[in-house]
């Protein structure tokens, strides 16, 4: 699950190399949104600690 944003950023770099600027910006933006959503799910997950 965590690899999705990194694959998106890698595809964005590939789009830059082939000259697709708008696609690269869109992929970067979607990857950033996915990364923030995954962080929110991780940060609000309760810890199951047994003391």
PDB file of N, CA and C in Angstrom:
ATOM      1  N   UNK A   1       0.818  -1.183   0.000  1.00  0.00           N
ATOM      2  CA  UNK A   1       0.000   0.000   0.000  1.00  0.00           C
ATOM      3  C   UNK A   1       0.868   1.256   0.000  1.00  0.00           C
ATOM      4  N   UNK A   2       1.907   1.246   0.778  1.00  0.00           N
ATOM      5  CA  UNK A   2       2.767   2.421   0.884  1.00  0.00           C
ATOM      6  C   UNK A   2       3.583   2.647  -0.385  1.00  0.00           C
ATOM      7  N   UNK A   3       3.697   1.644  -1.220  1.00  0.00           N
ATOM      8  CA  UNK A   3       4.498   1.805  -2.436  1.00  0.00           C
ATOM      9  C   UNK A   3       3.759   2.570  -3.531  1.00  0.00           C
ATOM     10  N   UNK A   4       2.438   2.702  -3.417  1.00  0.00           N
ATOM     11  CA  UNK A   4       1.649   3.366  -4.457  1.00  0.00           C
ATOM     12  C   UNK A   4       2.127   4.800  -4.718  1.00  0.00           C
ATOM     13  N   UNK A   5       2.314   5.645  -3.680  1.00  0.00           N
ATOM     14  CA  UNK A   5       2.790   6.998  -3.965  1.00  0.00           C
ATOM     15  C   UNK A   5       4.183   7.020  -4.609  1.00  0.00           C
ATOM     16  N   UNK A   6       5.037   6.098  -4.221  1.00  0.00           N
ATOM     17  CA  UNK A   6       6.385   6.083  -4.773  1.00  0.00           C
ATOM     18  C   UNK A   6       6.395   5.643  -6.237  1.00  0.00           C
ATOM     19  N   UNK A   7       5.522   4.712  -6.596  1.00  0.00           N
ATOM     20  CA  UNK A   7       5.390   4.350  -8.008  1.00  0.00           C
ATOM     21  C   UNK A   7       4.830   5.516  -8.813  1.00  0.00           C
ATOM     22  N   UNK A   8       3.899   6.252  -8.220  1.00  0.00           N
ATOM     23  CA  UNK A   8       3.345   7.428  -8.895  1.00  0.00           C
ATOM     24  C   UNK A   8       4.395   8.490  -9.143  1.00  0.00           C
ATOM     25  N   UNK A   9       5.261   8.714  -8.173  1.00  0.00           N
ATOM     26  CA  UNK A   9       6.329   9.700  -8.342  1.00  0.00           C
ATOM     27  C   UNK A   9       7.335   9.217  -9.382  1.00  0.00           C
ATOM     28  N   UNK A  10       7.626   7.921  -9.392  1.00  0.00           N
ATOM     29  CA  UNK A  10       8.526   7.376 -10.412  1.00  0.00           C
ATOM     30  C   UNK A  10       7.929   7.548 -11.807  1.00  0.00           C
ATOM     31  N   UNK A  11       6.625   7.316 -11.939  1.00  0.00           N
ATOM     32  CA  UNK A  11       5.970   7.536 -13.230  1.00  0.00           C
ATOM     33  C   UNK A  11       5.976   9.011 -13.606  1.00  0.00           C
ATOM     34  N   UNK A  12       5.858   9.893 -12.619  1.00  0.00           N
ATOM     35  CA  UNK A  12       5.924  11.330 -12.894  1.00  0.00           C
ATOM     36  C   UNK A  12       7.298  11.703 -13.446  1.00  0.00           C
ATOM     37  N   UNK A  13       8.357  11.150 -12.870  1.00  0.00           N
ATOM     38  CA  UNK A  13       9.702  11.411 -13.396  1.00  0.00           C
ATOM     39  C   UNK A  13       9.855  10.876 -14.815  1.00  0.00           C
ATOM     40  N   UNK A  14       9.258   9.727 -15.071  1.00  0.00           N
ATOM     41  CA  UNK A  14       9.296   9.171 -16.419  1.00  0.00           C
ATOM     42  C   UNK A  14       8.564  10.088 -17.396  1.00  0.00           C
ATOM     43  N   UNK A  15       7.440  10.629 -16.971  1.00  0.00           N
ATOM     44  CA  UNK A  15       6.704  11.566 -17.825  1.00  0.00           C
ATOM     45  C   UNK A  15       7.526  12.823 -18.104  1.00  0.00           C
ATOM     46  N   UNK A  16       8.289  13.269 -17.122  1.00  0.00           N
ATOM     47  CA  UNK A  16       9.158  14.430 -17.339  1.00  0.00           C
ATOM     48  C   UNK A  16      10.198  14.111 -18.407  1.00  0.00           C
ATOM     49  N   UNK A  17      10.761  12.915 -18.332  1.00  0.00           N
ATOM     50  CA  UNK A  17      11.805  12.538 -19.286  1.00  0.00           C
ATOM     51  C   UNK A  17      11.290  12.440 -20.717  1.00  0.00           C
ATOM     52  N   UNK A  18      10.022  12.047 -20.876  1.00  0.00           N
ATOM     53  CA  UNK A  18       9.488  11.928 -22.235  1.00  0.00           C
ATOM     54  C   UNK A  18       8.755  13.190 -22.681  1.00  0.00           C
ATOM     55  N   UNK A  19       8.739  14.213 -21.817  1.00  0.00           N
ATOM     56  CA  UNK A  19       8.195  15.500 -22.215  1.00  0.00           C
ATOM     57  C   UNK A  19       6.721  15.717 -21.933  1.00  0.00           C
ATOM     58  N   UNK A  20       6.126  14.908 -21.088  1.00  0.00           N
ATOM     59  CA  UNK A  20       4.708  15.052 -20.745  1.00  0.00           C
ATOM     60  C   UNK A  20       4.578  15.816 -19.425  1.00  0.00           C
ATOM     61  N   UNK A  21       4.702  17.135 -19.496  1.00  0.00           N
ATOM     62  CA  UNK A  21       4.731  17.963 -18.290  1.00  0.00           C
ATOM     63  C   UNK A  21       3.417  17.899 -17.518  1.00  0.00           C
ATOM     64  N   UNK A  22       2.287  18.026 -18.200  1.00  0.00           N
ATOM     65  CA  UNK A  22       0.990  18.033 -17.522  1.00  0.00           C
ATOM     66  C   UNK A  22       0.706  16.692 -16.839  1.00  0.00           C
ATOM     67  N   UNK A  23       1.047  15.602 -17.502  1.00  0.00           N
ATOM     68  CA  UNK A  23       0.860  14.278 -16.899  1.00  0.00           C
ATOM     69  C   UNK A  23       1.756  14.116 -15.672  1.00  0.00           C
ATOM     70  N   UNK A  24       2.971  14.648 -15.735  1.00  0.00           N
ATOM     71  CA  UNK A  24       3.889  14.557 -14.601  1.00  0.00           C
ATOM     72  C   UNK A  24       3.350  15.331 -13.404  1.00  0.00           C
ATOM     73  N   UNK A  25       2.814  16.517 -13.655  1.00  0.00           N
ATOM     74  CA  UNK A  25       2.255  17.316 -12.562  1.00  0.00           C
ATOM     75  C   UNK A  25       1.040  16.616 -11.962  1.00  0.00           C
ATOM     76  N   UNK A  26       0.194  16.042 -12.808  1.00  0.00           N
ATOM     77  CA  UNK A  26      -0.992  15.330 -12.324  1.00  0.00           C
ATOM     78  C   UNK A  26      -0.597  14.111 -11.495  1.00  0.00           C
ATOM     79  N   UNK A  27       0.366  13.340 -11.965  1.00  0.00           N
ATOM     80  CA  UNK A  27       0.811  12.159 -11.215  1.00  0.00           C
ATOM     81  C   UNK A  27       1.454  12.549  -9.891  1.00  0.00           C
ATOM     82  N   UNK A  28       2.227  13.636  -9.910  1.00  0.00           N
ATOM     83  CA  UNK A  28       2.854  14.100  -8.678  1.00  0.00           C
ATOM     84  C   UNK A  28       1.782  14.525  -7.676  1.00  0.00           C
ATOM     85  N   UNK A  29       0.777  15.249  -8.142  1.00  0.00           N
ATOM     86  CA  UNK A  29      -0.302  15.686  -7.258  1.00  0.00           C
ATOM     87  C   UNK A  29      -1.090  14.522  -6.684  1.00  0.00           C
ATOM     88  N   UNK A  30      -1.417  13.549  -7.524  1.00  0.00           N
ATOM     89  CA  UNK A  30      -2.141  12.367  -7.043  1.00  0.00           C
ATOM     90  C   UNK A  30      -1.297  11.572  -6.045  1.00  0.00           C
ATOM     91  N   UNK A  31      -0.005  11.498  -6.300  1.00  0.00           N
ATOM     92  CA  UNK A  31       0.884  10.783  -5.380  1.00  0.00           C
ATOM     93  C   UNK A  31       0.966  11.498  -4.040  1.00  0.00           C
ATOM     94  N   UNK A  32       0.992  12.814  -4.072  1.00  0.00           N
ATOM     95  CA  UNK A  32       1.033  13.583  -2.832  1.00  0.00           C
ATOM     96  C   UNK A  32      -0.250  13.394  -2.034  1.00  0.00           C
ATOM     97  N   UNK A  33      -1.384  13.410  -2.708  1.00  0.00           N
ATOM     98  CA  UNK A  33      -2.669  13.185  -2.034  1.00  0.00           C
ATOM     99  C   UNK A  33      -2.718  11.780  -1.432  1.00  0.00           C
ATOM    100  N   UNK A  34      -2.249  10.784  -2.179  1.00  0.00           N
ATOM    101  CA  UNK A  34      -2.231   9.408  -1.669  1.00  0.00           C
ATOM    102  C   UNK A  34      -1.307   9.291  -0.459  1.00  0.00           C
ATOM    103  N   UNK A  35      -0.159   9.961  -0.516  1.00  0.00           N
ATOM    104  CA  UNK A  35       0.784   9.913   0.597  1.00  0.00           C
ATOM    105  C   UNK A  35       0.185  10.551   1.848  1.00  0.00           C
ATOM    106  N   UNK A  36      -0.494  11.675   1.681  1.00  0.00           N
ATOM    107  CA  UNK A  36      -1.125  12.333   2.823  1.00  0.00           C
ATOM    108  C   UNK A  36      -2.275  11.500   3.389  1.00  0.00           C
ATOM    109  N   UNK A  37      -3.036  10.850   2.520  1.00  0.00           N
ATOM    110  CA  UNK A  37      -4.128   9.989   2.986  1.00  0.00           C
ATOM    111  C   UNK A  37      -3.580   8.791   3.763  1.00  0.00           C
ATOM    112  N   UNK A  38      -2.512   8.191   3.259  1.00  0.00           N
ATOM    113  CA  UNK A  38      -1.908   7.056   3.968  1.00  0.00           C
ATOM    114  C   UNK A  38      -1.325   7.492   5.307  1.00  0.00           C
ATOM    115  N   UNK A  39      -0.733   8.690   5.348  1.00  0.00           N
ATOM    116  CA  UNK A  39      -0.196   9.195   6.609  1.00  0.00           C
ATOM    117  C   UNK A  39      -1.317   9.435   7.615  1.00  0.00           C
ATOM    118  N   UNK A  40      -2.436   9.976   7.139  1.00  0.00           N
ATOM    119  CA  UNK A  40      -3.569  10.224   8.038  1.00  0.00           C
ATOM    120  C   UNK A  40      -4.094   8.912   8.614  1.00  0.00           C
ATOM    121  N   UNK A  41      -4.188   7.883   7.778  1.00  0.00           N
ATOM    122  CA  UNK A  41      -4.641   6.582   8.277  1.00  0.00           C
ATOM    123  C   UNK A  41      -3.659   6.022   9.296  1.00  0.00           C
ATOM    124  N   UNK A  42      -2.371   6.230   9.062  1.00  0.00           N
ATOM    125  CA  UNK A  42      -1.345   5.712   9.964  1.00  0.00           C
ATOM    126  C   UNK A  42      -1.318   6.500  11.275  1.00  0.00           C
ATOM    127  N   UNK A  43      -1.411   7.820  11.180  1.00  0.00           N
ATOM    128  CA  UNK A  43      -1.277   8.664  12.367  1.00  0.00           C
ATOM    129  C   UNK A  43      -2.473   8.545  13.304  1.00  0.00           C
ATOM    130  N   UNK A  44      -3.643   8.221  12.780  1.00  0.00           N
ATOM    131  CA  UNK A  44      -4.832   8.132  13.627  1.00  0.00           C
ATOM    132  C   UNK A  44      -5.154   6.702  14.045  1.00  0.00           C
ATOM    133  N   UNK A  45      -4.320   5.754  13.682  1.00  0.00           N
ATOM    134  CA  UNK A  45      -4.536   4.354  14.048  1.00  0.00           C
ATOM    135  C   UNK A  45      -4.216   4.168  15.534  1.00  0.00           C
ATOM    136  N   UNK A  46      -5.139   3.614  16.316  1.00  0.00           N
ATOM    137  CA  UNK A  46      -4.868   3.442  17.751  1.00  0.00           C
ATOM    138  C   UNK A  46      -3.813   2.354  17.988  1.00  0.00           C
ATOM    139  N   UNK A  47      -3.021   2.570  19.014  1.00  0.00           N
ATOM    140  CA  UNK A  47      -2.015   1.588  19.394  1.00  0.00           C
ATOM    141  C   UNK A  47      -2.632   0.583  20.362  1.00  0.00           C
ATOM    142  N   UNK A  48      -2.399  -0.672  20.117  1.00  0.00           N
ATOM    143  CA  UNK A  48      -2.893  -1.728  21.004  1.00  0.00           C
ATOM    144  C   UNK A  48      -1.770  -2.133  21.947  1.00  0.00           C
ATOM    145  N   UNK A  49      -1.622  -1.377  23.027  1.00  0.00           N
ATOM    146  CA  UNK A  49      -0.583  -1.657  24.006  1.00  0.00           C
ATOM    147  C   UNK A  49      -1.189  -2.370  25.209  1.00  0.00           C
ATOM    148  N   UNK A  50      -0.550  -3.427  25.617  1.00  0.00           N
ATOM    149  CA  UNK A  50      -0.971  -4.152  26.813  1.00  0.00           C
ATOM    150  C   UNK A  50       0.154  -4.008  27.825  1.00  0.00           C
ATOM    151  N   UNK A  51      -0.151  -3.327  28.924  1.00  0.00           N
ATOM    152  CA  UNK A  51       0.875  -3.105  29.949  1.00  0.00           C
ATOM    153  C   UNK A  51       0.663  -3.999  31.138  1.00  0.00           C
TER     154      UNK A  51
END
